[in-house]
Protein backbone atom coordinates (compact mmCIF):
# COMPACT_ATOMS: atom_id res chain seq x y z
CA UNK A 1 11.30 4.50 -0.73
CA UNK A 2 7.94 6.10 -1.72
CA UNK A 3 4.62 4.23 -1.08
CA UNK A 4 1.34 4.29 -3.45
CA UNK A 5 -0.83 5.34 -0.61
CA UNK A 6 -0.46 7.69 2.51
CA UNK A 7 -3.07 8.75 4.91
CA UNK A 8 -4.39 12.17 4.37
CA UNK A 9 -6.07 13.76 7.46
CA UNK A 10 -9.00 16.04 6.11
CA UNK A 11 -10.15 17.43 9.38
CA UNK A 12 -6.61 18.89 10.19
CA UNK A 13 -6.22 20.03 6.59
CA UNK A 14 -9.85 21.87 6.45
CA UNK A 15 -8.99 23.50 9.70
CA UNK A 16 -5.83 25.05 8.90
CA UNK A 17 -6.66 25.93 5.31
CA UNK A 18 -10.23 27.97 5.44
CA UNK A 19 -8.66 30.96 4.49
CA UNK A 20 -7.22 29.77 1.34
CA UNK A 21 -8.47 30.67 -2.07
CA UNK A 22 -9.17 27.77 -4.80
CA UNK A 23 -5.76 28.61 -6.35
CA UNK A 24 -3.86 28.34 -3.33
CA UNK A 25 -5.42 24.83 -2.43
CA UNK A 26 -4.42 23.67 -5.95
CA UNK A 27 -0.75 24.92 -5.12
CA UNK A 28 -0.85 23.20 -1.88
CA UNK A 29 -1.71 20.19 -3.25
CA UNK A 30 0.94 20.24 -6.07
CA UNK A 31 3.44 20.84 -3.64
CA UNK A 32 2.24 18.06 -1.29
CA UNK A 33 2.18 15.61 -4.24
CA UNK A 34 5.67 16.40 -4.99
CA UNK A 35 6.87 15.31 -1.86
CA UNK A 36 4.82 12.20 -1.36
CA UNK A 37 5.28 11.03 -4.90
CA UNK A 38 9.24 11.49 -5.07
CA UNK A 39 10.05 11.10 -1.10
CA UNK A 40 12.31 14.22 -1.46
CA UNK A 41 11.77 17.89 -0.29
CA UNK A 42 11.05 20.45 -3.05
CA UNK A 43 14.22 22.45 -4.13
CA UNK A 44 13.76 25.98 -3.88
CA UNK A 45 14.82 26.78 -7.34
CA UNK A 46 12.18 24.31 -8.79
CA UNK A 47 9.27 25.72 -6.42
CA UNK A 48 7.54 27.46 -9.20
CA UNK A 49 7.75 24.59 -11.55
CA UNK A 50 6.35 22.27 -8.87
CA UNK A 51 3.81 24.47 -8.03
CA UNK A 52 2.92 25.12 -11.94
CA UNK A 53 3.11 29.03 -11.29
CA UNK A 54 3.35 30.71 -14.66
CA UNK A 55 2.65 34.06 -13.93
CA UNK A 56 3.23 36.71 -11.30
CA UNK A 57 0.04 35.99 -9.15
CA UNK A 58 0.50 32.15 -9.54
CA UNK A 59 4.33 32.49 -7.93
CA UNK A 60 3.12 34.98 -5.20
CA UNK A 61 0.66 31.92 -4.29
CA UNK A 62 3.25 29.47 -4.47
CA UNK A 63 5.65 31.61 -2.06
CA UNK A 64 2.57 32.20 0.18
CA UNK A 65 1.65 28.64 0.56
CA UNK A 66 5.49 27.58 1.19
CA UNK A 67 6.01 30.55 3.71
CA UNK A 68 3.10 29.48 5.70
CA UNK A 69 2.90 25.81 5.73
CA UNK A 70 6.50 24.46 4.66
CA UNK A 71 9.77 25.38 6.01
CA UNK A 72 13.35 25.99 4.17
CA UNK A 73 16.65 24.26 5.00
CA UNK A 74 19.59 23.87 2.91
CA UNK A 75 17.96 25.14 -0.19
CA UNK A 76 15.16 22.76 0.32
CA UNK A 77 11.28 22.97 1.42
CA UNK A 78 10.06 20.46 3.91
CA UNK A 79 6.64 19.83 5.34
CA UNK A 80 6.71 18.69 9.17
CA UNK A 81 3.63 16.65 8.93
CA UNK A 82 4.29 15.21 5.89
CA UNK A 83 7.45 13.88 6.91
CA UNK A 84 6.18 12.34 10.14
CA UNK A 85 3.35 10.61 8.08
CA UNK A 86 5.87 9.20 5.18
CA UNK A 87 8.30 7.95 8.20
CA UNK A 88 5.55 6.13 10.27
CA UNK A 89 3.70 4.83 7.21
CA UNK A 90 6.98 3.52 5.63
CA UNK A 91 8.05 1.91 8.96
CA UNK A 92 4.85 0.21 9.55
CA UNK A 93 5.03 -0.98 5.95
CA UNK A 94 8.32 -2.32 6.38
CA UNK A 95 7.05 -4.00 9.59
CA UNK A 96 4.31 -5.81 7.70
CA UNK A 97 7.08 -6.81 4.94
CA UNK A 98 9.38 -8.45 7.65
CA UNK A 99 6.15 -10.32 9.24
CA UNK A 100 5.36 -11.52 5.71
CA UNK A 101 8.84 -12.89 5.12
CA UNK A 102 8.87 -14.64 8.50
CA UNK A 103 5.36 -16.08 7.92
CA UNK A 104 6.55 -17.44 4.69
CA UNK A 105 9.80 -18.99 6.07
CA UNK A 106 7.52 -20.48 8.81
CA UNK A 107 5.12 -21.91 6.09
CA UNK A 108 7.88 -23.20 3.95
CA UNK A 109 9.19 -24.89 7.11
CA UNK A 110 6.02 -26.37 8.10
CA UNK A 111 5.42 -27.52 4.53
CA UNK A 112 8.63 -29.33 4.32
CA UNK A 113 8.02 -30.96 7.97
CA UNK A 114 4.46 -32.19 6.84
CA UNK A 115 6.24 -33.93 3.53
CA UNK A 116 8.96 -35.32 5.39
CA UNK A 117 6.68 -36.72 7.90
CA UNK A 118 4.31 -38.02 5.21
CA UNK A 119 7.41 -39.69 3.44
CA UNK A 120 8.51 -41.39 6.57
CA UNK A 121 5.03 -42.58 7.63
CA UNK A 122 3.12 -43.38 4.63
CA UNK A 123 0.34 -44.96 6.89
CA UNK A 124 -0.47 -41.79 8.65
CA UNK A 125 -3.05 -39.76 7.08
CA UNK A 126 -2.73 -35.96 7.71
CA UNK A 127 -5.46 -33.94 8.86
CA UNK A 128 -6.80 -31.64 5.80
CA UNK A 129 -7.91 -28.05 6.43
CA UNK A 130 -11.44 -26.97 5.07
CA UNK A 131 -11.33 -26.15 1.35
CA UNK A 132 -12.03 -22.63 -0.12
CA UNK A 133 -15.08 -22.24 -2.25
CA UNK A 134 -16.25 -19.30 -4.80
CA UNK A 135 -19.57 -17.87 -3.72
CA UNK A 136 -22.51 -17.60 -6.03
CA UNK A 137 -21.44 -14.19 -7.10
CA UNK A 138 -18.01 -15.02 -7.84
CA UNK A 139 -16.39 -13.47 -4.72
CA UNK A 140 -13.79 -15.31 -3.37
CA UNK A 141 -14.52 -16.85 0.31
CA UNK A 142 -12.74 -19.08 2.66
CA UNK A 143 -14.36 -21.27 5.08
CA UNK A 144 -15.12 -20.13 8.40
CA UNK A 145 -12.84 -23.01 9.88
CA UNK A 146 -9.86 -21.06 8.59
CA UNK A 147 -10.97 -17.54 7.93
CA UNK A 148 -8.58 -15.99 10.50
CA UNK A 149 -5.53 -17.64 9.22
CA UNK A 150 -4.41 -15.80 6.32
CA UNK A 151 -0.79 -15.57 4.48
CA UNK A 152 -2.17 -12.05 4.03
CA UNK A 153 -4.83 -10.40 5.94
CA UNK A 154 -5.42 -6.70 5.10
CA UNK A 155 -8.33 -4.39 5.18
CA UNK A 156 -10.11 -5.97 2.11
CA UNK A 157 -7.52 -8.85 0.83
CA UNK A 158 -7.72 -12.03 2.77
CA UNK A 159 -5.47 -14.37 0.95
CA UNK A 160 -5.04 -17.97 2.00
CA UNK A 161 -1.98 -19.96 2.24
CA UNK A 162 -2.51 -21.90 -0.82
CA UNK A 163 -3.35 -18.75 -3.00
CA UNK A 164 -0.34 -17.33 -1.62
CA UNK A 165 1.87 -20.14 -2.54
CA UNK A 166 0.15 -20.49 -6.03
CA UNK A 167 0.79 -16.73 -6.51
CA UNK A 168 4.44 -16.31 -5.64
CA UNK A 169 4.97 -19.71 -7.88
CA UNK A 170 3.45 -17.42 -10.87
CA UNK A 171 4.79 -14.34 -10.05
CA UNK A 172 8.38 -15.20 -8.80
CA UNK A 173 9.97 -12.01 -9.66
CA UNK A 174 7.05 -9.95 -8.23
CA UNK A 175 7.47 -8.58 -4.22
CA UNK A 176 4.02 -9.93 -3.48
CA UNK A 177 3.81 -8.37 -0.32
CA UNK A 178 4.48 -5.03 -1.41
CA UNK A 179 1.82 -5.54 -4.31
CA UNK A 180 -0.73 -6.77 -2.18
CA UNK A 181 -0.38 -4.19 0.63
CA UNK A 182 -0.59 -1.50 -1.97
CA UNK A 183 -3.49 -2.80 -3.80
CA UNK A 184 -5.31 -3.59 -0.43
CA UNK A 185 -4.85 0.09 0.56
CA UNK A 186 -6.27 1.01 -2.76
CA UNK A 187 -9.33 -1.27 -2.67
CA UNK A 188 -9.96 -0.08 0.75
CA UNK A 189 -9.60 3.78 -0.17
CA UNK A 190 -12.04 3.28 -3.23
CA UNK A 191 -14.43 0.84 -1.35
CA UNK A 192 -14.00 -2.02 -3.63
CA UNK A 193 -14.41 -4.79 -1.10
CA UNK A 194 -16.79 -6.95 -3.43
CA UNK A 195 -15.14 -9.10 -5.85
CA UNK A 196 -11.57 -8.32 -4.70
CA UNK A 197 -10.09 -11.76 -5.64
CA UNK A 198 -11.04 -11.95 -9.11
CA UNK A 199 -10.36 -8.23 -9.95
CA UNK A 200 -6.77 -8.90 -8.09
CA UNK A 201 -6.28 -11.79 -10.22
CA UNK A 202 -7.08 -9.92 -13.25
CA UNK A 203 -4.80 -6.99 -12.34
CA UNK A 204 -1.87 -9.22 -11.54
CA UNK A 205 -2.16 -10.59 -14.96
CA UNK A 206 -2.31 -7.26 -16.61
CA UNK A 207 0.55 -6.10 -14.95
CA UNK A 208 2.89 -9.02 -14.57
CA UNK A 209 1.59 -11.60 -17.44
CA UNK A 210 0.50 -15.09 -16.31
C-alpha cells in the first residue's frame, strides 16, 4: 500500500546534501519519488531509467547518489529513512482507518438505539443537537456545542456525523476515510483551510459523481 502524502524532513535533507550539484539533487528526488510512489525498492537494472540518466555523466550521478544514500540488497536499492517513514505513516493511517470504522459502528448502533427508543416511547422527545450553519463566506462551520465531536477530525477537515452519513450514502463505493485522510493532508500541505467543505464537495463530485 502507498499513500498520496508522506512527511518530508527538509532540515535533515539539507544538512546531508549541501555538497550535491543541482543535477544530483534532481536525481535524488527522482529516486525517492520512485520508492514513495511504488512502495517498492529500485531494481538495480532499472536505476538509470528511474533516475532519467541518458548519458554517461547522468549515469555517474545516479550511481553516486545510490552509493551515498541507498543500500543494495538482493538486486534492489533501498533507502533506510524512506522505509522507516513509509512504515510509520502507513501504520498511523491504518490506525486511523480502524478508529474510523469503530466510530462508524458506534454511530450506527447509537442511531439504531435511538430509533428503537423513539418507536417504543413515542411520547418522549429526544434532545436535538445544535444544527450546523454555513458562514457568510460559505465556509462550513459547526456550532461550538459540537465542534469537538466529529466523525472525521483532521488538520483541516472537520466533518460532522450527519455530513459523514450523507457522504457515505452518496458514495457507498468510496473508502471515505481514506479519501478524507489523503485530502486533509493535501489541504494542510497546500494551506487551503478556507472553504474546505465546499471544495471537498466539488472534488467528490468531480472524482466520483453525485
